[in-house]
Protein backbone atom coordinates (compact mmCIF):
# COMPACT_ATOMS: atom_id res chain seq x y z
CA UNK A 1 0.00 0.00 0.00
CA UNK A 2 1.18 3.42 -0.86
CA UNK A 3 1.88 5.85 1.95
CA UNK A 4 1.81 9.59 1.42
CA UNK A 5 2.36 12.58 3.61
CA UNK A 6 0.63 15.94 3.56
CA UNK A 7 0.33 18.94 5.81
CA UNK A 8 -2.88 19.55 7.71
CA UNK A 9 -3.50 22.55 5.47
CA UNK A 10 -3.10 20.45 2.30
CA UNK A 11 -5.28 17.74 3.79
CA UNK A 12 -7.99 20.24 4.60
CA UNK A 13 -7.92 21.72 1.10
CA UNK A 14 -7.95 18.31 -0.59
CA UNK A 15 -9.97 16.23 1.88
CA UNK A 16 -12.31 14.78 -0.76
CA UNK A 17 -9.35 13.68 -2.88
CA UNK A 18 -7.50 12.26 0.15
CA UNK A 19 -10.56 10.25 1.21
CA UNK A 20 -11.10 8.99 -2.34
CA UNK A 21 -7.48 7.77 -2.54
CA UNK A 22 -7.80 6.09 0.85
CA UNK A 23 -11.06 4.41 -0.08
CA UNK A 24 -10.37 3.44 -3.70
CA UNK A 25 -6.59 2.89 -3.72
CA UNK A 26 -6.02 1.85 -0.12
CA UNK A 27 -3.49 4.63 0.34
CA UNK A 28 -2.45 5.86 3.76
CA UNK A 29 -1.87 9.50 4.55
CA UNK A 30 0.35 10.82 7.31
CA UNK A 31 -0.92 14.24 8.30
CA UNK A 32 1.75 16.62 9.51
CA UNK A 33 1.77 19.91 11.36
CA UNK A 34 4.99 21.92 11.10
CA UNK A 35 6.55 18.87 9.42
CA UNK A 36 5.85 16.63 12.43
CA UNK A 37 3.45 13.66 12.05
CA UNK A 38 0.27 14.15 14.07
CA UNK A 39 -2.27 11.76 12.55
CA UNK A 40 -2.80 9.01 10.00
CA UNK A 41 -5.73 8.45 7.68
CA UNK A 42 -6.05 4.76 6.79
CA UNK A 43 -8.72 2.60 5.14
CA UNK A 44 -11.47 1.65 7.59
CA UNK A 45 -10.94 -2.11 7.19
CA UNK A 46 -7.28 -1.69 8.18
CA UNK A 47 -8.41 0.26 11.26
CA UNK A 48 -10.87 -2.51 12.22
CA UNK A 49 -8.21 -5.20 11.81
CA UNK A 50 -5.77 -3.22 13.95
CA UNK A 51 -8.40 -2.62 16.61
CA UNK A 52 -9.22 -6.34 16.79
CA UNK A 53 -5.54 -7.21 17.08
CA UNK A 54 -5.00 -4.67 19.87
CA UNK A 55 -8.05 -6.03 21.73
CA UNK A 56 -6.72 -9.57 21.40
CA UNK A 57 -3.29 -8.47 22.65
CA UNK A 58 -4.90 -6.78 25.65
CA UNK A 59 -6.83 -9.96 26.46
CA UNK A 60 -3.64 -12.00 26.31
CA UNK A 61 -1.92 -9.57 28.67
CA UNK A 62 -4.89 -9.72 31.04
CA UNK A 63 -4.74 -13.50 30.94
CA UNK A 64 -1.03 -13.43 31.85
CA UNK A 65 -1.79 -11.19 34.82
CA UNK A 66 -4.68 -13.37 35.90
CA UNK A 67 -2.47 -16.47 35.82
CA UNK A 68 0.01 -14.71 38.15
CA UNK A 69 -2.72 -14.13 40.75
CA UNK A 70 -3.78 -17.79 40.91
CA UNK A 71 -7.41 -16.68 40.60
CA UNK A 72 -9.81 -18.45 38.30
CA UNK A 73 -11.96 -16.44 35.95
CA UNK A 74 -15.03 -17.70 37.81
CA UNK A 75 -13.78 -16.52 41.19
CA UNK A 76 -12.78 -13.18 39.70
CA UNK A 77 -16.29 -12.71 38.27
CA UNK A 78 -17.87 -13.68 41.59
CA UNK A 79 -15.65 -11.30 43.55
CA UNK A 80 -16.34 -8.49 41.08
CA UNK A 81 -20.10 -9.12 41.29
CA UNK A 82 -19.98 -9.03 45.09
CA UNK A 83 -17.99 -5.81 45.05
CA UNK A 84 -20.48 -4.18 42.68
CA UNK A 85 -23.41 -5.33 44.79
CA UNK A 86 -21.79 -3.88 47.91
CA UNK A 87 -21.27 -0.54 46.16
CA UNK A 88 -24.94 -0.35 45.24
CA UNK A 89 -26.19 -0.84 48.79
PDB file of N, CA and C in Angstrom:
ATOM      1  N   UNK A   1       0.833  -1.186   0.000  1.00  0.00           N
ATOM      2  CA  UNK A   1       0.000   0.000   0.000  1.00  0.00           C
ATOM      3  C   UNK A   1       0.869   1.237   0.000  1.00  0.00           C
ATOM      4  N   UNK A   2       0.437   2.179  -0.746  1.00  0.00           N
ATOM      5  CA  UNK A   2       1.184   3.417  -0.861  1.00  0.00           C
ATOM      6  C   UNK A   2       0.928   4.299   0.355  1.00  0.00           C
ATOM      7  N   UNK A   3       1.980   4.939   0.809  1.00  0.00           N
ATOM      8  CA  UNK A   3       1.880   5.847   1.954  1.00  0.00           C
ATOM      9  C   UNK A   3       2.317   7.231   1.502  1.00  0.00           C
ATOM     10  N   UNK A   4       1.486   8.216   1.807  1.00  0.00           N
ATOM     11  CA  UNK A   4       1.806   9.589   1.419  1.00  0.00           C
ATOM     12  C   UNK A   4       1.736  10.480   2.641  1.00  0.00           C
ATOM     13  N   UNK A   5       2.353  11.624   2.519  1.00  0.00           N
ATOM     14  CA  UNK A   5       2.360  12.584   3.609  1.00  0.00           C
ATOM     15  C   UNK A   5       1.829  13.911   3.097  1.00  0.00           C
ATOM     16  N   UNK A   6       1.086  14.608   3.930  1.00  0.00           N
ATOM     17  CA  UNK A   6       0.627  15.942   3.561  1.00  0.00           C
ATOM     18  C   UNK A   6       0.430  16.765   4.826  1.00  0.00           C
ATOM     19  N   UNK A   7       0.541  18.052   4.670  1.00  0.00           N
ATOM     20  CA  UNK A   7       0.334  18.939   5.808  1.00  0.00           C
ATOM     21  C   UNK A   7      -1.153  18.985   6.134  1.00  0.00           C
ATOM     22  N   UNK A   8      -1.468  19.425   7.337  1.00  0.00           N
ATOM     23  CA  UNK A   8      -2.881  19.547   7.714  1.00  0.00           C
ATOM     24  C   UNK A   8      -3.597  20.532   6.806  1.00  0.00           C
ATOM     25  N   UNK A   9      -2.897  21.569   6.378  1.00  0.00           N
ATOM     26  CA  UNK A   9      -3.500  22.551   5.468  1.00  0.00           C
ATOM     27  C   UNK A   9      -3.821  21.920   4.128  1.00  0.00           C
ATOM     28  N   UNK A  10      -2.857  21.155   3.571  1.00  0.00           N
ATOM     29  CA  UNK A  10      -3.098  20.455   2.303  1.00  0.00           C
ATOM     30  C   UNK A  10      -4.244  19.457   2.446  1.00  0.00           C
ATOM     31  N   UNK A  11      -4.226  18.727   3.547  1.00  0.00           N
ATOM     32  CA  UNK A  11      -5.277  17.744   3.788  1.00  0.00           C
ATOM     33  C   UNK A  11      -6.649  18.378   3.850  1.00  0.00           C
ATOM     34  N   UNK A  12      -6.702  19.527   4.491  1.00  0.00           N
ATOM     35  CA  UNK A  12      -7.986  20.242   4.600  1.00  0.00           C
ATOM     36  C   UNK A  12      -8.470  20.690   3.220  1.00  0.00           C
ATOM     37  N   UNK A  13      -7.561  21.231   2.432  1.00  0.00           N
ATOM     38  CA  UNK A  13      -7.924  21.718   1.096  1.00  0.00           C
ATOM     39  C   UNK A  13      -8.357  20.583   0.179  1.00  0.00           C
ATOM     40  N   UNK A  14      -7.729  19.420   0.333  1.00  0.00           N
ATOM     41  CA  UNK A  14      -7.948  18.315  -0.593  1.00  0.00           C
ATOM     42  C   UNK A  14      -8.593  17.103   0.084  1.00  0.00           C
ATOM     43  N   UNK A  15      -9.411  17.335   1.102  1.00  0.00           N
ATOM     44  CA  UNK A  15      -9.969  16.231   1.876  1.00  0.00           C
ATOM     45  C   UNK A  15     -10.725  15.228   1.013  1.00  0.00           C
ATOM     46  N   UNK A  16     -11.542  15.697   0.086  1.00  0.00           N
ATOM     47  CA  UNK A  16     -12.313  14.784  -0.764  1.00  0.00           C
ATOM     48  C   UNK A  16     -11.378  13.886  -1.566  1.00  0.00           C
ATOM     49  N   UNK A  17     -10.315  14.443  -2.098  1.00  0.00           N
ATOM     50  CA  UNK A  17      -9.347  13.678  -2.878  1.00  0.00           C
ATOM     51  C   UNK A  17      -8.590  12.686  -1.989  1.00  0.00           C
ATOM     52  N   UNK A  18      -8.203  13.131  -0.801  1.00  0.00           N
ATOM     53  CA  UNK A  18      -7.503  12.257   0.146  1.00  0.00           C
ATOM     54  C   UNK A  18      -8.392  11.069   0.488  1.00  0.00           C
ATOM     55  N   UNK A  19      -9.637  11.335   0.838  1.00  0.00           N
ATOM     56  CA  UNK A  19     -10.558  10.255   1.205  1.00  0.00           C
ATOM     57  C   UNK A  19     -10.804   9.301   0.040  1.00  0.00           C
ATOM     58  N   UNK A  20     -10.899   9.830  -1.153  1.00  0.00           N
ATOM     59  CA  UNK A  20     -11.100   8.988  -2.336  1.00  0.00           C
ATOM     60  C   UNK A  20      -9.892   8.052  -2.528  1.00  0.00           C
ATOM     61  N   UNK A  21      -8.678   8.596  -2.382  1.00  0.00           N
ATOM     62  CA  UNK A  21      -7.476   7.765  -2.536  1.00  0.00           C
ATOM     63  C   UNK A  21      -7.376   6.715  -1.437  1.00  0.00           C
ATOM     64  N   UNK A  22      -7.802   7.059  -0.252  1.00  0.00           N
ATOM     65  CA  UNK A  22      -7.801   6.090   0.852  1.00  0.00           C
ATOM     66  C   UNK A  22      -8.802   4.982   0.559  1.00  0.00           C
ATOM     67  N   UNK A  23      -9.993   5.383   0.156  1.00  0.00           N
ATOM     68  CA  UNK A  23     -11.059   4.408  -0.084  1.00  0.00           C
ATOM     69  C   UNK A  23     -10.814   3.550  -1.326  1.00  0.00           C
ATOM     70  N   UNK A  24     -10.472   4.166  -2.427  1.00  0.00           N
ATOM     71  CA  UNK A  24     -10.371   3.443  -3.702  1.00  0.00           C
ATOM     72  C   UNK A  24      -9.022   2.761  -3.905  1.00  0.00           C
ATOM     73  N   UNK A  25      -7.933   3.415  -3.458  1.00  0.00           N
ATOM     74  CA  UNK A  25      -6.594   2.889  -3.721  1.00  0.00           C
ATOM     75  C   UNK A  25      -5.938   2.268  -2.500  1.00  0.00           C
ATOM     76  N   UNK A  26      -6.586   2.406  -1.344  1.00  0.00           N
ATOM     77  CA  UNK A  26      -6.016   1.852  -0.123  1.00  0.00           C
ATOM     78  C   UNK A  26      -4.800   2.620   0.381  1.00  0.00           C
ATOM     79  N   UNK A  27      -4.650   3.842  -0.075  1.00  0.00           N
ATOM     80  CA  UNK A  27      -3.493   4.634   0.340  1.00  0.00           C
ATOM     81  C   UNK A  27      -3.626   5.076   1.787  1.00  0.00           C
ATOM     82  N   UNK A  28      -2.486   5.357   2.388  1.00  0.00           N
ATOM     83  CA  UNK A  28      -2.446   5.856   3.761  1.00  0.00           C
ATOM     84  C   UNK A  28      -1.818   7.241   3.725  1.00  0.00           C
ATOM     85  N   UNK A  29      -2.389   8.133   4.497  1.00  0.00           N
ATOM     86  CA  UNK A  29      -1.874   9.498   4.549  1.00  0.00           C
ATOM     87  C   UNK A  29      -1.398   9.823   5.954  1.00  0.00           C
ATOM     88  N   UNK A  30      -0.175  10.305   6.043  1.00  0.00           N
ATOM     89  CA  UNK A  30       0.347  10.819   7.305  1.00  0.00           C
ATOM     90  C   UNK A  30       0.124  12.321   7.265  1.00  0.00           C
ATOM     91  N   UNK A  31      -0.629  12.818   8.227  1.00  0.00           N
ATOM     92  CA  UNK A  31      -0.922  14.237   8.303  1.00  0.00           C
ATOM     93  C   UNK A  31       0.103  14.886   9.225  1.00  0.00           C
ATOM     94  N   UNK A  32       0.710  15.952   8.732  1.00  0.00           N
ATOM     95  CA  UNK A  32       1.747  16.621   9.512  1.00  0.00           C
ATOM     96  C   UNK A  32       1.329  18.039   9.889  1.00  0.00           C
ATOM     97  N   UNK A  33       1.922  18.508  10.950  1.00  0.00           N
ATOM     98  CA  UNK A  33       1.774  19.910  11.358  1.00  0.00           C
ATOM     99  C   UNK A  33       3.185  20.384  11.675  1.00  0.00           C
ATOM    100  N   UNK A  34       3.609  21.415  10.978  1.00  0.00           N
ATOM    101  CA  UNK A  34       4.985  21.920  11.099  1.00  0.00           C
ATOM    102  C   UNK A  34       5.997  20.795  10.868  1.00  0.00           C
ATOM    103  N   UNK A  35       5.707  19.987   9.861  1.00  0.00           N
ATOM    104  CA  UNK A  35       6.551  18.873   9.415  1.00  0.00           C
ATOM    105  C   UNK A  35       6.678  17.726  10.414  1.00  0.00           C
ATOM    106  N   UNK A  36       5.856  17.725  11.460  1.00  0.00           N
ATOM    107  CA  UNK A  36       5.849  16.629  12.427  1.00  0.00           C
ATOM    108  C   UNK A  36       4.564  15.825  12.247  1.00  0.00           C
ATOM    109  N   UNK A  37       4.656  14.487  12.198  1.00  0.00           N
ATOM    110  CA  UNK A  37       3.452  13.659  12.049  1.00  0.00           C
ATOM    111  C   UNK A  37       2.532  13.810  13.260  1.00  0.00           C
ATOM    112  N   UNK A  38       1.245  14.013  12.979  1.00  0.00           N
ATOM    113  CA  UNK A  38       0.270  14.154  14.066  1.00  0.00           C
ATOM    114  C   UNK A  38      -0.910  13.192  13.942  1.00  0.00           C
ATOM    115  N   UNK A  39      -1.131  12.651  12.750  1.00  0.00           N
ATOM    116  CA  UNK A  39      -2.273  11.756  12.555  1.00  0.00           C
ATOM    117  C   UNK A  39      -2.053  10.931  11.292  1.00  0.00           C
ATOM    118  N   UNK A  40      -2.850   9.862  11.190  1.00  0.00           N
ATOM    119  CA  UNK A  40      -2.795   9.007  10.004  1.00  0.00           C
ATOM    120  C   UNK A  40      -4.226   8.748   9.550  1.00  0.00           C
ATOM    121  N   UNK A  41      -4.437   8.825   8.256  1.00  0.00           N
ATOM    122  CA  UNK A  41      -5.729   8.449   7.677  1.00  0.00           C
ATOM    123  C   UNK A  41      -5.488   7.135   6.942  1.00  0.00           C
ATOM    124  N   UNK A  42      -6.210   6.098   7.360  1.00  0.00           N
ATOM    125  CA  UNK A  42      -6.046   4.759   6.785  1.00  0.00           C
ATOM    126  C   UNK A  42      -7.415   4.223   6.374  1.00  0.00           C
ATOM    127  N   UNK A  43      -7.434   3.214   5.498  1.00  0.00           N
ATOM    128  CA  UNK A  43      -8.720   2.595   5.143  1.00  0.00           C
ATOM    129  C   UNK A  43      -9.394   2.016   6.390  1.00  0.00           C
ATOM    130  N   UNK A  44     -10.704   2.084   6.422  1.00  0.00           N
ATOM    131  CA  UNK A  44     -11.465   1.649   7.592  1.00  0.00           C
ATOM    132  C   UNK A  44     -11.223   0.182   7.923  1.00  0.00           C
ATOM    133  N   UNK A  45     -11.143  -0.679   6.907  1.00  0.00           N
ATOM    134  CA  UNK A  45     -10.939  -2.105   7.189  1.00  0.00           C
ATOM    135  C   UNK A  45      -9.589  -2.359   7.859  1.00  0.00           C
ATOM    136  N   UNK A  46      -8.579  -1.575   7.524  1.00  0.00           N
ATOM    137  CA  UNK A  46      -7.278  -1.690   8.184  1.00  0.00           C
ATOM    138  C   UNK A  46      -7.412  -1.263   9.649  1.00  0.00           C
ATOM    139  N   UNK A  47      -8.170  -0.205   9.892  1.00  0.00           N
ATOM    140  CA  UNK A  47      -8.413   0.260  11.260  1.00  0.00           C
ATOM    141  C   UNK A  47      -9.108  -0.831  12.081  1.00  0.00           C
ATOM    142  N   UNK A  48     -10.120  -1.461  11.509  1.00  0.00           N
ATOM    143  CA  UNK A  48     -10.869  -2.510  12.220  1.00  0.00           C
ATOM    144  C   UNK A  48      -9.952  -3.685  12.534  1.00  0.00           C
ATOM    145  N   UNK A  49      -9.149  -4.099  11.573  1.00  0.00           N
ATOM    146  CA  UNK A  49      -8.205  -5.202  11.809  1.00  0.00           C
ATOM    147  C   UNK A  49      -7.244  -4.863  12.943  1.00  0.00           C
ATOM    148  N   UNK A  50      -6.710  -3.644  12.920  1.00  0.00           N
ATOM    149  CA  UNK A  50      -5.768  -3.221  13.951  1.00  0.00           C
ATOM    150  C   UNK A  50      -6.437  -3.179  15.321  1.00  0.00           C
ATOM    151  N   UNK A  51      -7.662  -2.693  15.336  1.00  0.00           N
ATOM    152  CA  UNK A  51      -8.397  -2.616  16.611  1.00  0.00           C
ATOM    153  C   UNK A  51      -8.642  -4.012  17.182  1.00  0.00           C
ATOM    154  N   UNK A  52      -9.009  -4.956  16.340  1.00  0.00           N
ATOM    155  CA  UNK A  52      -9.220  -6.339  16.791  1.00  0.00           C
ATOM    156  C   UNK A  52      -7.922  -6.932  17.333  1.00  0.00           C
ATOM    157  N   UNK A  53      -6.827  -6.677  16.637  1.00  0.00           N
ATOM    158  CA  UNK A  53      -5.535  -7.208  17.076  1.00  0.00           C
ATOM    159  C   UNK A  53      -5.151  -6.623  18.424  1.00  0.00           C
ATOM    160  N   UNK A  54      -5.333  -5.300  18.591  1.00  0.00           N
ATOM    161  CA  UNK A  54      -4.999  -4.671  19.873  1.00  0.00           C
ATOM    162  C   UNK A  54      -5.872  -5.223  20.992  1.00  0.00           C
ATOM    163  N   UNK A  55      -7.153  -5.460  20.711  1.00  0.00           N
ATOM    164  CA  UNK A  55      -8.050  -6.028  21.727  1.00  0.00           C
ATOM    165  C   UNK A  55      -7.594  -7.425  22.109  1.00  0.00           C
ATOM    166  N   UNK A  56      -7.202  -8.211  21.131  1.00  0.00           N
ATOM    167  CA  UNK A  56      -6.724  -9.565  21.398  1.00  0.00           C
ATOM    168  C   UNK A  56      -5.454  -9.519  22.247  1.00  0.00           C
ATOM    169  N   UNK A  57      -4.536  -8.617  21.885  1.00  0.00           N
ATOM    170  CA  UNK A  57      -3.286  -8.472  22.646  1.00  0.00           C
ATOM    171  C   UNK A  57      -3.567  -8.070  24.094  1.00  0.00           C
ATOM    172  N   UNK A  58      -4.537  -7.195  24.290  1.00  0.00           N
ATOM    173  CA  UNK A  58      -4.903  -6.777  25.646  1.00  0.00           C
ATOM    174  C   UNK A  58      -5.476  -7.951  26.443  1.00  0.00           C
ATOM    175  N   UNK A  59      -6.288  -8.775  25.785  1.00  0.00           N
ATOM    176  CA  UNK A  59      -6.831  -9.957  26.460  1.00  0.00           C
ATOM    177  C   UNK A  59      -5.725 -10.934  26.855  1.00  0.00           C
ATOM    178  N   UNK A  60      -4.757 -11.111  25.981  1.00  0.00           N
ATOM    179  CA  UNK A  60      -3.644 -11.999  26.308  1.00  0.00           C
ATOM    180  C   UNK A  60      -2.845 -11.471  27.496  1.00  0.00           C
ATOM    181  N   UNK A  61      -2.632 -10.165  27.544  1.00  0.00           N
ATOM    182  CA  UNK A  61      -1.919  -9.566  28.674  1.00  0.00           C
ATOM    183  C   UNK A  61      -2.718  -9.735  29.965  1.00  0.00           C
ATOM    184  N   UNK A  62      -4.023  -9.532  29.874  1.00  0.00           N
ATOM    185  CA  UNK A  62      -4.886  -9.715  31.040  1.00  0.00           C
ATOM    186  C   UNK A  62      -4.832 -11.158  31.522  1.00  0.00           C
ATOM    187  N   UNK A  63      -4.826 -12.085  30.588  1.00  0.00           N
ATOM    188  CA  UNK A  63      -4.738 -13.503  30.941  1.00  0.00           C
ATOM    189  C   UNK A  63      -3.432 -13.792  31.680  1.00  0.00           C
ATOM    190  N   UNK A  64      -2.326 -13.229  31.184  1.00  0.00           N
ATOM    191  CA  UNK A  64      -1.033 -13.432  31.847  1.00  0.00           C
ATOM    192  C   UNK A  64      -1.075 -12.923  33.287  1.00  0.00           C
ATOM    193  N   UNK A  65      -1.682 -11.752  33.477  1.00  0.00           N
ATOM    194  CA  UNK A  65      -1.786 -11.188  34.822  1.00  0.00           C
ATOM    195  C   UNK A  65      -2.684 -12.036  35.710  1.00  0.00           C
ATOM    196  N   UNK A  66      -3.752 -12.531  35.143  1.00  0.00           N
ATOM    197  CA  UNK A  66      -4.679 -13.373  35.903  1.00  0.00           C
ATOM    198  C   UNK A  66      -3.994 -14.664  36.351  1.00  0.00           C
ATOM    199  N   UNK A  67      -3.187 -15.250  35.478  1.00  0.00           N
ATOM    200  CA  UNK A  67      -2.466 -16.474  35.819  1.00  0.00           C
ATOM    201  C   UNK A  67      -1.534 -16.223  37.010  1.00  0.00           C
ATOM    202  N   UNK A  68      -0.904 -15.056  37.056  1.00  0.00           N
ATOM    203  CA  UNK A  68       0.008 -14.709  38.155  1.00  0.00           C
ATOM    204  C   UNK A  68      -0.706 -14.647  39.501  1.00  0.00           C
ATOM    205  N   UNK A  69      -1.978 -14.313  39.501  1.00  0.00           N
ATOM    206  CA  UNK A  69      -2.721 -14.135  40.752  1.00  0.00           C
ATOM    207  C   UNK A  69      -3.279 -15.443  41.307  1.00  0.00           C
ATOM    208  N   UNK A  70      -3.217 -16.499  40.526  1.00  0.00           N
ATOM    209  CA  UNK A  70      -3.784 -17.793  40.913  1.00  0.00           C
ATOM    210  C   UNK A  70      -5.294 -17.730  41.136  1.00  0.00           C
ATOM    211  N   UNK A  71      -5.956 -16.771  40.533  1.00  0.00           N
ATOM    212  CA  UNK A  71      -7.414 -16.681  40.598  1.00  0.00           C
ATOM    213  C   UNK A  71      -8.002 -17.295  39.336  1.00  0.00           C
ATOM    214  N   UNK A  72      -9.119 -17.949  39.491  1.00  0.00           N
ATOM    215  CA  UNK A  72      -9.813 -18.446  38.304  1.00  0.00           C
ATOM    216  C   UNK A  72     -10.708 -17.328  37.782  1.00  0.00           C
ATOM    217  N   UNK A  73     -11.068 -17.442  36.531  1.00  0.00           N
ATOM    218  CA  UNK A  73     -11.961 -16.440  35.946  1.00  0.00           C
ATOM    219  C   UNK A  73     -13.294 -16.430  36.686  1.00  0.00           C
ATOM    220  N   UNK A  74     -13.765 -17.599  37.085  1.00  0.00           N
ATOM    221  CA  UNK A  74     -15.033 -17.697  37.811  1.00  0.00           C
ATOM    222  C   UNK A  74     -14.964 -16.965  39.139  1.00  0.00           C
ATOM    223  N   UNK A  75     -13.893 -17.194  39.893  1.00  0.00           N
ATOM    224  CA  UNK A  75     -13.784 -16.520  41.193  1.00  0.00           C
ATOM    225  C   UNK A  75     -13.623 -15.014  41.017  1.00  0.00           C
ATOM    226  N   UNK A  76     -12.934 -14.612  39.965  1.00  0.00           N
ATOM    227  CA  UNK A  76     -12.782 -13.184  39.697  1.00  0.00           C
ATOM    228  C   UNK A  76     -14.134 -12.538  39.394  1.00  0.00           C
ATOM    229  N   UNK A  77     -14.957 -13.215  38.587  1.00  0.00           N
ATOM    230  CA  UNK A  77     -16.291 -12.705  38.266  1.00  0.00           C
ATOM    231  C   UNK A  77     -17.137 -12.628  39.536  1.00  0.00           C
ATOM    232  N   UNK A  78     -17.082 -13.666  40.350  1.00  0.00           N
ATOM    233  CA  UNK A  78     -17.867 -13.680  41.588  1.00  0.00           C
ATOM    234  C   UNK A  78     -17.440 -12.556  42.526  1.00  0.00           C
ATOM    235  N   UNK A  79     -16.138 -12.366  42.689  1.00  0.00           N
ATOM    236  CA  UNK A  79     -15.650 -11.296  43.552  1.00  0.00           C
ATOM    237  C   UNK A  79     -16.050  -9.926  43.014  1.00  0.00           C
ATOM    238  N   UNK A  80     -15.958  -9.760  41.698  1.00  0.00           N
ATOM    239  CA  UNK A  80     -16.341  -8.490  41.084  1.00  0.00           C
ATOM    240  C   UNK A  80     -17.830  -8.216  41.276  1.00  0.00           C
ATOM    241  N   UNK A  81     -18.651  -9.262  41.112  1.00  0.00           N
ATOM    242  CA  UNK A  81     -20.098  -9.119  41.289  1.00  0.00           C
ATOM    243  C   UNK A  81     -20.417  -8.711  42.728  1.00  0.00           C
ATOM    244  N   UNK A  82     -19.771  -9.370  43.689  1.00  0.00           N
ATOM    245  CA  UNK A  82     -19.982  -9.030  45.092  1.00  0.00           C
ATOM    246  C   UNK A  82     -19.577  -7.585  45.385  1.00  0.00           C
ATOM    247  N   UNK A  83     -18.454  -7.186  44.829  1.00  0.00           N
ATOM    248  CA  UNK A  83     -17.987  -5.812  45.046  1.00  0.00           C
ATOM    249  C   UNK A  83     -18.976  -4.814  44.475  1.00  0.00           C
ATOM    250  N   UNK A  84     -19.488  -5.072  43.281  1.00  0.00           N
ATOM    251  CA  UNK A  84     -20.477  -4.179  42.677  1.00  0.00           C
ATOM    252  C   UNK A  84     -21.766  -4.136  43.505  1.00  0.00           C
ATOM    253  N   UNK A  85     -22.199  -5.283  43.974  1.00  0.00           N
ATOM    254  CA  UNK A  85     -23.412  -5.326  44.788  1.00  0.00           C
ATOM    255  C   UNK A  85     -23.230  -4.533  46.080  1.00  0.00           C
ATOM    256  N   UNK A  86     -22.065  -4.623  46.683  1.00  0.00           N
ATOM    257  CA  UNK A  86     -21.788  -3.880  47.913  1.00  0.00           C
ATOM    258  C   UNK A  86     -21.751  -2.372  47.679  1.00  0.00           C
ATOM    259  N   UNK A  87     -21.304  -1.963  46.498  1.00  0.00           N
ATOM    260  CA  UNK A  87     -21.271  -0.540  46.156  1.00  0.00           C
ATOM    261  C   UNK A  87     -22.683   0.031  46.002  1.00  0.00           C
ATOM    262  N   UNK A  88     -23.582  -0.810  45.521  1.00  0.00           N
ATOM    263  CA  UNK A  88     -24.942  -0.348  45.235  1.00  0.00           C
ATOM    264  C   UNK A  88     -25.794  -0.247  46.515  1.00  0.00           C
ATOM    265  N   UNK A  89     -25.380  -0.882  47.577  1.00  0.00           N
ATOM    266  CA  UNK A  89     -26.188  -0.838  48.787  1.00  0.00           C
ATOM    267  C   UNK A  89     -25.680   0.188  49.772  1.00  0.00           C
TER     268      UNK A  89
END
